[in-house]
C-alpha atoms as a PDB file:
ATOM      1  CA  MET A   1      52.914  66.979 113.370  1.00  0.00           C
ATOM      2  CA  ASN A   2      55.323  69.928 113.305  1.00  0.00           C
ATOM      3  CA  SER A   3      54.621  70.699 116.954  1.00  0.00           C
ATOM      4  CA  GLY A   4      55.667  67.154 117.875  1.00  0.00           C
ATOM      5  CA  ILE A   5      58.960  67.475 116.038  1.00  0.00           C
ATOM      6  CA  GLU A   6      59.666  70.923 117.452  1.00  0.00           C
ATOM      7  CA  SER A   7      59.115  69.629 120.998  1.00  0.00           C
ATOM      8  CA  LEU A   8      61.906  67.026 120.733  1.00  0.00           C
ATOM      9  CA  PRO A   9      64.993  67.758 122.840  1.00  0.00           C
ATOM     10  CA  LYS A  10      67.987  69.235 121.024  1.00  0.00           C
ATOM     11  CA  GLY A  11      70.331  66.708 119.453  1.00  0.00           C
ATOM     12  CA  PHE A  12      67.688  64.474 117.871  1.00  0.00           C
ATOM     13  CA  THR A  13      67.971  63.697 114.181  1.00  0.00           C
ATOM     14  CA  VAL A  14      64.643  63.567 112.365  1.00  0.00           C
ATOM     15  CA  ILE A  15      64.248  62.301 108.826  1.00  0.00           C
ATOM     16  CA  ALA A  16      60.838  63.107 107.387  1.00  0.00           C
ATOM     17  CA  VAL A  17      59.363  62.501 103.962  1.00  0.00           C
ATOM     18  CA  THR A  18      56.611  64.874 102.883  1.00  0.00           C
ATOM     19  CA  TYR A  19      54.792  66.124  99.833  1.00  0.00           C
ATOM     20  CA  SER A  20      53.841  69.299 101.687  1.00  0.00           C
ATOM     21  CA  LEU A  21      56.452  72.028 101.290  1.00  0.00           C
ATOM     22  CA  SER A  22      54.989  73.993 104.195  1.00  0.00           C
ATOM     23  CA  PHE A  23      55.855  71.011 106.426  1.00  0.00           C
ATOM     24  CA  ALA A  24      59.487  71.094 105.221  1.00  0.00           C
ATOM     25  CA  ASP A  25      60.029  74.802 105.937  1.00  0.00           C
ATOM     26  CA  PRO A  26      61.146  74.569 109.613  1.00  0.00           C
ATOM     27  CA  PHE A  27      63.717  71.812 109.059  1.00  0.00           C
ATOM     28  CA  ASP A  28      67.440  72.660 109.189  1.00  0.00           C
ATOM     29  CA  TRP A  29      68.196  70.927 105.897  1.00  0.00           C
ATOM     30  CA  ILE A  30      65.921  69.984 102.985  1.00  0.00           C
ATOM     31  CA  PHE A  31      66.626  67.540 100.172  1.00  0.00           C
ATOM     32  CA  LEU A  32      64.382  67.823  97.118  1.00  0.00           C
ATOM     33  CA  LEU A  33      64.173  64.558  95.211  1.00  0.00           C
ATOM     34  CA  GLU A  34      63.319  64.417  91.530  1.00  0.00           C
ATOM     35  CA  GLN A  35      63.024  61.043  89.795  1.00  0.00           C
ATOM     36  CA  GLY A  36      64.840  59.342  92.684  1.00  0.00           C
ATOM     37  CA  HIS A  37      67.830  61.712  92.752  1.00  0.00           C
ATOM     38  CA  ILE A  38      68.674  64.731  94.893  1.00  0.00           C
ATOM     39  CA  ALA A  39      67.826  67.673  92.658  1.00  0.00           C
ATOM     40  CA  GLU A  40      68.455  70.430  95.225  1.00  0.00           C
ATOM     41  CA  SER A  41      69.431  70.698  98.878  1.00  0.00           C
ATOM     42  CA  GLY A  42      69.800  73.453 101.427  1.00  0.00           C
ATOM     43  CA  THR A  43      67.766  75.439 103.906  1.00  0.00           C
ATOM     44  CA  HIS A  44      64.333  76.727 102.984  1.00  0.00           C
ATOM     45  CA  SER A  45      65.769  80.228 102.399  1.00  0.00           C
ATOM     46  CA  GLU A  46      68.680  78.936 100.320  1.00  0.00           C
ATOM     47  CA  LEU A  47      66.394  76.844  98.142  1.00  0.00           C
ATOM     48  CA  LEU A  48      64.064  79.774  97.530  1.00  0.00           C
ATOM     49  CA  ALA A  49      67.036  81.985  96.597  1.00  0.00           C
ATOM     50  CA  MET A  50      68.215  79.439  93.998  1.00  0.00           C
ATOM     51  CA  ASN A  51      65.055  80.060  91.957  1.00  0.00           C
ATOM     52  CA  GLY A  52      65.096  76.393  90.992  1.00  0.00           C
ATOM     53  CA  LEU A  53      62.543  73.621  91.255  1.00  0.00           C
ATOM     54  CA  TYR A  54      61.938  74.050  95.008  1.00  0.00           C
ATOM     55  CA  SER A  55      61.251  77.749  94.521  1.00  0.00           C
ATOM     56  CA  LYS A  56      58.831  77.060  91.664  1.00  0.00           C
ATOM     57  CA  LEU A  57      57.013  74.386  93.676  1.00  0.00           C
ATOM     58  CA  TRP A  58      56.847  76.715  96.707  1.00  0.00           C
ATOM     59  CA  GLN A  59      55.393  79.560  94.646  1.00  0.00           C
ATOM     60  CA  THR A  60      52.786  77.214  93.154  1.00  0.00           C
ATOM     61  CA  ALA A  61      51.859  75.793  96.564  1.00  0.00           C
ATOM     62  CA  MET A  62      51.496  79.246  98.125  1.00  0.00           C
ATOM     63  CA  ALA A  63      49.423  80.702  95.248  1.00  0.00           C
END
């Protein structure tokens, strides 16, 4: 699915919902929802640097 999104022309807005953090990595902006609220938002790198929930979930998924 990522290859389909990456092949879209520039200027398209894509909203995707996923449980797979590796799918979220290439997106420009990520919103992490927890109990229906935005818990964290930012780029993949920013979210990892926060050492918050996204970072913990990423480390668990990559282990």
